[in-house]
Amino acid sequence: LLWGKPYIEDILCGKRFRISPMSFYQVNHDGAE
């Protein structure tokens, strides 16, 4: 980490998720819902 948080946060299906660079997360948010 150079700056900021080691993750970003998203909300999917009403749940909050922290996503790090090495983690899998569906590339289409609305499609995933």
All heavy atoms as atom14 arrays in JSON, in Angstrom:
{
  "sequence": "LLWGKPYIEDILCGKRFRISPMSFYQVNHDGAE",
  "atom14_mask": [
    [1, 1, 1, 1, 1, 1, 1, 1, 0, 0, 0, 0, 0, 0],
    [1, 1, 1, 1, 1, 1, 1, 1, 0, 0, 0, 0, 0, 0],
    [1, 1, 1, 1, 1, 1, 1, 1, 1, 1, 1, 1, 1, 1],
    [1, 1, 1, 1, 0, 0, 0, 0, 0, 0, 0, 0, 0, 0],
    [1, 1, 1, 1, 1, 1, 1, 1, 1, 0, 0, 0, 0, 0],
    [1, 1, 1, 1, 1, 1, 1, 0, 0, 0, 0, 0, 0, 0],
    [1, 1, 1, 1, 1, 1, 1, 1, 1, 1, 1, 1, 0, 0],
    [1, 1, 1, 1, 1, 1, 1, 1, 0, 0, 0, 0, 0, 0],
    [1, 1, 1, 1, 1, 1, 1, 1, 1, 0, 0, 0, 0, 0],
    [1, 1, 1, 1, 1, 1, 1, 1, 0, 0, 0, 0, 0, 0],
    [1, 1, 1, 1, 1, 1, 1, 1, 0, 0, 0, 0, 0, 0],
    [1, 1, 1, 1, 1, 1, 1, 1, 0, 0, 0, 0, 0, 0],
    [1, 1, 1, 1, 1, 1, 0, 0, 0, 0, 0, 0, 0, 0],
    [1, 1, 1, 1, 0, 0, 0, 0, 0, 0, 0, 0, 0, 0],
    [1, 1, 1, 1, 1, 1, 1, 1, 1, 0, 0, 0, 0, 0],
    [1, 1, 1, 1, 1, 1, 1, 1, 1, 1, 1, 0, 0, 0],
    [1, 1, 1, 1, 1, 1, 1, 1, 1, 1, 1, 0, 0, 0],
    [1, 1, 1, 1, 1, 1, 1, 1, 1, 1, 1, 0, 0, 0],
    [1, 1, 1, 1, 1, 1, 1, 1, 0, 0, 0, 0, 0, 0],
    [1, 1, 1, 1, 1, 1, 0, 0, 0, 0, 0, 0, 0, 0],
    [1, 1, 1, 1, 1, 1, 1, 0, 0, 0, 0, 0, 0, 0],
    [1, 1, 1, 1, 1, 1, 1, 1, 0, 0, 0, 0, 0, 0],
    [1, 1, 1, 1, 1, 1, 0, 0, 0, 0, 0, 0, 0, 0],
    [1, 1, 1, 1, 1, 1, 1, 1, 1, 1, 1, 0, 0, 0],
    [1, 1, 1, 1, 1, 1, 1, 1, 1, 1, 1, 1, 0, 0],
    [1, 1, 1, 1, 1, 1, 1, 1, 1, 0, 0, 0, 0, 0],
    [1, 1, 1, 1, 1, 1, 1, 0, 0, 0, 0, 0, 0, 0],
    [1, 1, 1, 1, 1, 1, 1, 1, 0, 0, 0, 0, 0, 0],
    [1, 1, 1, 1, 1, 1, 1, 1, 1, 1, 0, 0, 0, 0],
    [1, 1, 1, 1, 1, 1, 1, 1, 0, 0, 0, 0, 0, 0],
    [1, 1, 1, 1, 0, 0, 0, 0, 0, 0, 0, 0, 0, 0],
    [1, 1, 1, 1, 1, 0, 0, 0, 0, 0, 0, 0, 0, 0],
    [1, 1, 1, 1, 1, 1, 1, 1, 1, 0, 0, 0, 0, 0]
  ],
  "atom14_positions": [
    [[0.84, -1.19, 0.0], [0.0, 0.0, 0.0], [0.88, 1.25, 0.0], [1.77, 1.4, 0.83], [-0.92, -0.01, 1.23], [-1.94, 1.13, 1.32], [-2.98, 1.0, 0.21], [-2.61, 1.14, 2.69], [0.0, 0.0, 0.0], [0.0, 0.0, 0.0], [0.0, 0.0, 0.0], [0.0, 0.0, 0.0], [0.0, 0.0, 0.0], [0.0, 0.0, 0.0]],
    [[0.62, 2.15, -0.95], [1.34, 3.42, -1.01], [0.57, 4.54, -0.32], [1.16, 5.44, 0.29], [1.59, 3.83, -2.47], [2.47, 2.92, -3.32], [2.62, 3.52, -4.71], [3.84, 2.71, -2.68], [0.0, 0.0, 0.0], [0.0, 0.0, 0.0], [0.0, 0.0, 0.0], [0.0, 0.0, 0.0], [0.0, 0.0, 0.0], [0.0, 0.0, 0.0]],
    [[-0.77, 4.48, -0.45], [-1.58, 5.58, 0.06], [-3.02, 5.13, 0.23], [-3.52, 4.3, -0.55], [-1.52, 6.75, -0.92], [-2.37, 7.94, -0.54], [-2.0, 8.99, 0.23], [-3.72, 8.18, -0.93], [-3.05, 9.89, 0.35], [-4.12, 9.4, -0.36], [-4.63, 7.48, -1.7], [-5.38, 9.95, -0.53], [-5.91, 8.01, -1.88], [-6.27, 9.23, -1.3]],
    [[-3.7, 5.63, 1.26], [-5.12, 5.37, 1.42], [-5.41, 4.04, 2.08], [-4.64, 3.54, 2.91], [0.0, 0.0, 0.0], [0.0, 0.0, 0.0], [0.0, 0.0, 0.0], [0.0, 0.0, 0.0], [0.0, 0.0, 0.0], [0.0, 0.0, 0.0], [0.0, 0.0, 0.0], [0.0, 0.0, 0.0], [0.0, 0.0, 0.0], [0.0, 0.0, 0.0]],
    [[-6.54, 3.46, 1.73], [-7.0, 2.19, 2.3], [-6.49, 1.01, 1.48], [-6.26, 1.15, 0.28], [-8.54, 2.15, 2.33], [-9.2, 3.31, 3.07], [-10.71, 3.12, 3.15], [-11.38, 3.15, 1.8], [-12.86, 3.1, 1.89], [0.0, 0.0, 0.0], [0.0, 0.0, 0.0], [0.0, 0.0, 0.0], [0.0, 0.0, 0.0], [0.0, 0.0, 0.0]],
    [[-6.36, -0.18, 2.08], [-5.94, -1.36, 1.31], [-7.1, -2.03, 0.58], [-6.96, -3.15, 0.1], [-5.37, -2.29, 2.39], [-6.13, -1.94, 3.62], [-6.41, -0.47, 3.54], [0.0, 0.0, 0.0], [0.0, 0.0, 0.0], [0.0, 0.0, 0.0], [0.0, 0.0, 0.0], [0.0, 0.0, 0.0], [0.0, 0.0, 0.0], [0.0, 0.0, 0.0]],
    [[-8.23, -1.34, 0.49], [-9.42, -1.92, -0.13], [-10.34, -0.79, -0.6], [-10.15, 0.38, -0.25], [-10.19, -2.8, 0.88], [-10.55, -2.09, 2.15], [-11.67, -1.25, 2.23], [-9.75, -2.21, 3.3], [-11.98, -0.57, 3.39], [-10.07, -1.53, 4.47], [-11.18, -0.71, 4.51], [-11.5, -0.03, 5.66], [0.0, 0.0, 0.0], [0.0, 0.0, 0.0]],
    [[-11.32, -1.17, -1.43], [-12.46, -0.3, -1.69], [-13.7, -1.01, -1.16], [-13.69, -2.22, -0.96], [-12.63, 0.03, -3.18], [-12.73, -1.25, -4.03], [-11.5, 0.92, -3.66], [-13.02, -0.99, -5.5], [0.0, 0.0, 0.0], [0.0, 0.0, 0.0], [0.0, 0.0, 0.0], [0.0, 0.0, 0.0], [0.0, 0.0, 0.0], [0.0, 0.0, 0.0]],
    [[-14.76, -0.25, -0.92], [-16.0, -0.82, -0.41], [-17.12, -0.66, -1.43], [-17.25, 0.39, -2.07], [-16.41, -0.16, 0.9], [-15.5, -0.51, 2.07], [-16.09, -0.12, 3.42], [-17.29, 0.25, 3.47], [-15.37, -0.18, 4.42], [0.0, 0.0, 0.0], [0.0, 0.0, 0.0], [0.0, 0.0, 0.0], [0.0, 0.0, 0.0], [0.0, 0.0, 0.0]],
    [[-17.9, -1.72, -1.57], [-19.06, -1.7, -2.46], [-20.25, -2.28, -1.71], [-20.08, -2.98, -0.7], [-18.77, -2.51, -3.73], [-19.65, -2.11, -4.9], [-20.47, -1.17, -4.75], [-19.53, -2.72, -5.98], [0.0, 0.0, 0.0], [0.0, 0.0, 0.0], [0.0, 0.0, 0.0], [0.0, 0.0, 0.0], [0.0, 0.0, 0.0], [0.0, 0.0, 0.0]],
    [[-21.44, -2.03, -2.21], [-22.67, -2.6, -1.66], [-23.31, -3.47, -2.72], [-23.58, -3.0, -3.84], [-23.64, -1.51, -1.19], [-22.99, -0.67, -0.1], [-24.94, -2.13, -0.67], [-23.78, 0.57, 0.29], [0.0, 0.0, 0.0], [0.0, 0.0, 0.0], [0.0, 0.0, 0.0], [0.0, 0.0, 0.0], [0.0, 0.0, 0.0], [0.0, 0.0, 0.0]],
    [[-23.5, -4.74, -2.39], [-24.03, -5.72, -3.35], [-25.11, -6.52, -2.66], [-24.89, -7.07, -1.57], [-22.89, -6.64, -3.82], [-23.24, -7.67, -4.88], [-23.44, -6.98, -6.23], [-22.13, -8.71, -5.01], [0.0, 0.0, 0.0], [0.0, 0.0, 0.0], [0.0, 0.0, 0.0], [0.0, 0.0, 0.0], [0.0, 0.0, 0.0], [0.0, 0.0, 0.0]],
    [[-26.29, -6.57, -3.27], [-27.43, -7.31, -2.7], [-27.72, -6.87, -1.26], [-28.04, -7.69, -0.39], [-27.18, -8.81, -2.76], [-27.0, -9.48, -4.42], [0.0, 0.0, 0.0], [0.0, 0.0, 0.0], [0.0, 0.0, 0.0], [0.0, 0.0, 0.0], [0.0, 0.0, 0.0], [0.0, 0.0, 0.0], [0.0, 0.0, 0.0], [0.0, 0.0, 0.0]],
    [[-27.54, -5.58, -1.0], [-27.83, -5.05, 0.32], [-26.75, -5.29, 1.36], [-26.9, -4.88, 2.52], [0.0, 0.0, 0.0], [0.0, 0.0, 0.0], [0.0, 0.0, 0.0], [0.0, 0.0, 0.0], [0.0, 0.0, 0.0], [0.0, 0.0, 0.0], [0.0, 0.0, 0.0], [0.0, 0.0, 0.0], [0.0, 0.0, 0.0], [0.0, 0.0, 0.0]],
    [[-25.65, -5.92, 0.99], [-24.54, -6.2, 1.91], [-23.33, -5.35, 1.5], [-23.11, -5.09, 0.32], [-24.17, -7.68, 1.89], [-25.33, -8.64, 2.13], [-25.73, -8.68, 3.57], [-26.98, -9.54, 3.79], [-26.86, -10.92, 3.34], [0.0, 0.0, 0.0], [0.0, 0.0, 0.0], [0.0, 0.0, 0.0], [0.0, 0.0, 0.0], [0.0, 0.0, 0.0]],
    [[-22.53, -4.96, 2.5], [-21.33, -4.15, 2.25], [-20.11, -5.07, 2.16], [-19.92, -5.97, 2.98], [-21.13, -3.13, 3.36], [-19.95, -2.18, 3.15], [-19.95, -1.07, 4.18], [-20.99, -0.1, 3.9], [-20.83, 0.98, 3.12], [-19.65, 1.21, 2.53], [-21.81, 1.83, 2.94], [0.0, 0.0, 0.0], [0.0, 0.0, 0.0], [0.0, 0.0, 0.0]],
    [[-19.27, -4.83, 1.14], [-18.1, -5.68, 0.91], [-16.85, -4.85, 0.75], [-16.86, -3.8, 0.09], [-18.29, -6.54, -0.35], [-19.38, -7.57, -0.22], [-20.65, -7.32, -0.7], [-19.13, -8.79, 0.4], [-21.66, -8.26, -0.57], [-20.13, -9.73, 0.53], [-21.4, -9.47, 0.05], [0.0, 0.0, 0.0], [0.0, 0.0, 0.0], [0.0, 0.0, 0.0]],
    [[-15.75, -5.34, 1.38], [-14.43, -4.76, 1.18], [-13.67, -5.62, 0.18], [-13.6, -6.83, 0.32], [-13.68, -4.7, 2.51], [-14.26, -3.65, 3.45], [-13.52, -3.58, 4.78], [-14.08, -2.51, 5.61], [-13.71, -2.27, 6.87], [-12.77, -3.03, 7.43], [-14.26, -1.29, 7.54], [0.0, 0.0, 0.0], [0.0, 0.0, 0.0], [0.0, 0.0, 0.0]],
    [[-13.08, -4.96, -0.82], [-12.46, -5.66, -1.94], [-11.0, -5.25, -2.02], [-10.69, -4.05, -2.19], [-13.18, -5.31, -3.26], [-14.69, -5.54, -3.12], [-12.61, -6.11, -4.42], [-15.51, -4.63, -3.99], [0.0, 0.0, 0.0], [0.0, 0.0, 0.0], [0.0, 0.0, 0.0], [0.0, 0.0, 0.0], [0.0, 0.0, 0.0], [0.0, 0.0, 0.0]],
    [[-10.09, -6.19, -1.88], [-8.66, -5.91, -1.98], [-8.18, -6.21, -3.4], [-8.87, -6.87, -4.18], [-7.89, -6.76, -0.96], [-8.0, -8.13, -1.27], [0.0, 0.0, 0.0], [0.0, 0.0, 0.0], [0.0, 0.0, 0.0], [0.0, 0.0, 0.0], [0.0, 0.0, 0.0], [0.0, 0.0, 0.0], [0.0, 0.0, 0.0], [0.0, 0.0, 0.0]],
    [[-6.97, -5.77, -3.78], [-6.52, -5.96, -5.16], [-6.45, -7.42, -5.59], [-6.71, -7.74, -6.77], [-5.12, -5.33, -5.16], [-5.16, -4.33, -4.06], [-6.04, -4.92, -3.01], [0.0, 0.0, 0.0], [0.0, 0.0, 0.0], [0.0, 0.0, 0.0], [0.0, 0.0, 0.0], [0.0, 0.0, 0.0], [0.0, 0.0, 0.0], [0.0, 0.0, 0.0]],
    [[-6.1, -8.33, -4.69], [-5.89, -9.72, -5.09], [-7.17, -10.56, -5.05], [-7.16, -11.74, -5.41], [-4.86, -10.37, -4.15], [-3.5, -9.68, -4.14], [-2.58, -9.84, -5.67], [-1.93, -11.5, -5.48], [0.0, 0.0, 0.0], [0.0, 0.0, 0.0], [0.0, 0.0, 0.0], [0.0, 0.0, 0.0], [0.0, 0.0, 0.0], [0.0, 0.0, 0.0]],
    [[-8.28, -9.98, -4.64], [-9.5, -10.75, -4.42], [-10.4, -10.76, -5.65], [-10.48, -9.77, -6.39], [-10.29, -10.17, -3.24], [-9.53, -10.22, -2.06], [0.0, 0.0, 0.0], [0.0, 0.0, 0.0], [0.0, 0.0, 0.0], [0.0, 0.0, 0.0], [0.0, 0.0, 0.0], [0.0, 0.0, 0.0], [0.0, 0.0, 0.0], [0.0, 0.0, 0.0]],
    [[-11.12, -11.88, -5.82], [-12.08, -11.98, -6.91], [-13.36, -11.23, -6.55], [-13.87, -11.33, -5.44], [-12.43, -13.45, -7.19], [-13.56, -13.61, -8.19], [-13.32, -13.48, -9.54], [-14.85, -13.86, -7.75], [-14.36, -13.6, -10.45], [-15.89, -13.98, -8.66], [-15.65, -13.86, -10.01], [0.0, 0.0, 0.0], [0.0, 0.0, 0.0], [0.0, 0.0, 0.0]],
    [[-13.86, -10.48, -7.52], [-15.13, -9.78, -7.36], [-15.73, -9.67, -8.76], [-15.03, -9.36, -9.73], [-14.91, -8.4, -6.76], [-16.17, -7.66, -6.37], [-16.94, -8.09, -5.29], [-16.58, -6.51, -7.05], [-18.09, -7.39, -4.91], [-17.72, -5.81, -6.67], [-18.47, -6.26, -5.6], [-19.6, -5.58, -5.22], [0.0, 0.0, 0.0], [0.0, 0.0, 0.0]],
    [[-17.01, -9.97, -8.9], [-17.63, -9.94, -10.22], [-17.45, -8.57, -10.88], [-17.6, -7.53, -10.24], [-19.12, -10.27, -10.11], [-19.42, -11.72, -9.76], [-19.25, -12.68, -10.93], [-18.82, -12.29, -12.02], [-19.57, -13.94, -10.71], [0.0, 0.0, 0.0], [0.0, 0.0, 0.0], [0.0, 0.0, 0.0], [0.0, 0.0, 0.0], [0.0, 0.0, 0.0]],
    [[-17.14, -8.57, -12.18], [-16.82, -7.32, -12.87], [-18.06, -6.5, -13.22], [-17.94, -5.33, -13.59], [-16.0, -7.58, -14.16], [-14.69, -8.27, -13.84], [-16.8, -8.37, -15.17], [0.0, 0.0, 0.0], [0.0, 0.0, 0.0], [0.0, 0.0, 0.0], [0.0, 0.0, 0.0], [0.0, 0.0, 0.0], [0.0, 0.0, 0.0], [0.0, 0.0, 0.0]],
    [[-19.25, -7.1, -13.12], [-20.48, -6.4, -13.45], [-21.35, -6.35, -12.19], [-21.97, -7.35, -11.82], [-21.2, -7.12, -14.59], [-22.45, -6.41, -15.06], [-23.04, -5.6, -14.35], [-22.88, -6.72, -16.28], [0.0, 0.0, 0.0], [0.0, 0.0, 0.0], [0.0, 0.0, 0.0], [0.0, 0.0, 0.0], [0.0, 0.0, 0.0], [0.0, 0.0, 0.0]],
    [[-21.39, -5.21, -11.53], [-22.11, -5.09, -10.26], [-23.59, -5.4, -10.41], [-24.15, -6.23, -9.69], [-21.92, -3.67, -9.7], [-22.74, -3.38, -8.48], [-24.05, -2.94, -8.56], [-22.45, -3.47, -7.16], [-24.54, -2.79, -7.35], [-23.58, -3.08, -6.47], [0.0, 0.0, 0.0], [0.0, 0.0, 0.0], [0.0, 0.0, 0.0], [0.0, 0.0, 0.0]],
    [[-24.26, -4.74, -11.36], [-25.7, -4.95, -11.51], [-25.99, -6.37, -12.01], [-26.99, -6.99, -11.6], [-26.28, -3.93, -12.48], [-26.22, -2.51, -11.93], [-25.85, -2.35, -10.74], [-26.53, -1.56, -12.67], [0.0, 0.0, 0.0], [0.0, 0.0, 0.0], [0.0, 0.0, 0.0], [0.0, 0.0, 0.0], [0.0, 0.0, 0.0], [0.0, 0.0, 0.0]],
    [[-25.12, -6.88, -12.87], [-25.28, -8.26, -13.32], [-25.11, -9.25, -12.18], [-25.82, -10.26, -12.11], [0.0, 0.0, 0.0], [0.0, 0.0, 0.0], [0.0, 0.0, 0.0], [0.0, 0.0, 0.0], [0.0, 0.0, 0.0], [0.0, 0.0, 0.0], [0.0, 0.0, 0.0], [0.0, 0.0, 0.0], [0.0, 0.0, 0.0], [0.0, 0.0, 0.0]],
    [[-24.18, -8.95, -11.27], [-23.97, -9.83, -10.11], [-25.2, -9.84, -9.22], [-25.59, -10.89, -8.69], [-22.73, -9.39, -9.33], [0.0, 0.0, 0.0], [0.0, 0.0, 0.0], [0.0, 0.0, 0.0], [0.0, 0.0, 0.0], [0.0, 0.0, 0.0], [0.0, 0.0, 0.0], [0.0, 0.0, 0.0], [0.0, 0.0, 0.0], [0.0, 0.0, 0.0]],
    [[-25.81, -8.69, -9.02], [-27.03, -8.65, -8.22], [-28.14, -9.48, -8.86], [-28.88, -10.19, -8.16], [-27.49, -7.21, -8.02], [-26.6, -6.41, -7.09], [-27.24, -5.15, -6.56], [-28.01, -4.53, -7.34], [-27.0, -4.79, -5.4], [0.0, 0.0, 0.0], [0.0, 0.0, 0.0], [0.0, 0.0, 0.0], [0.0, 0.0, 0.0], [0.0, 0.0, 0.0]]
  ]
}
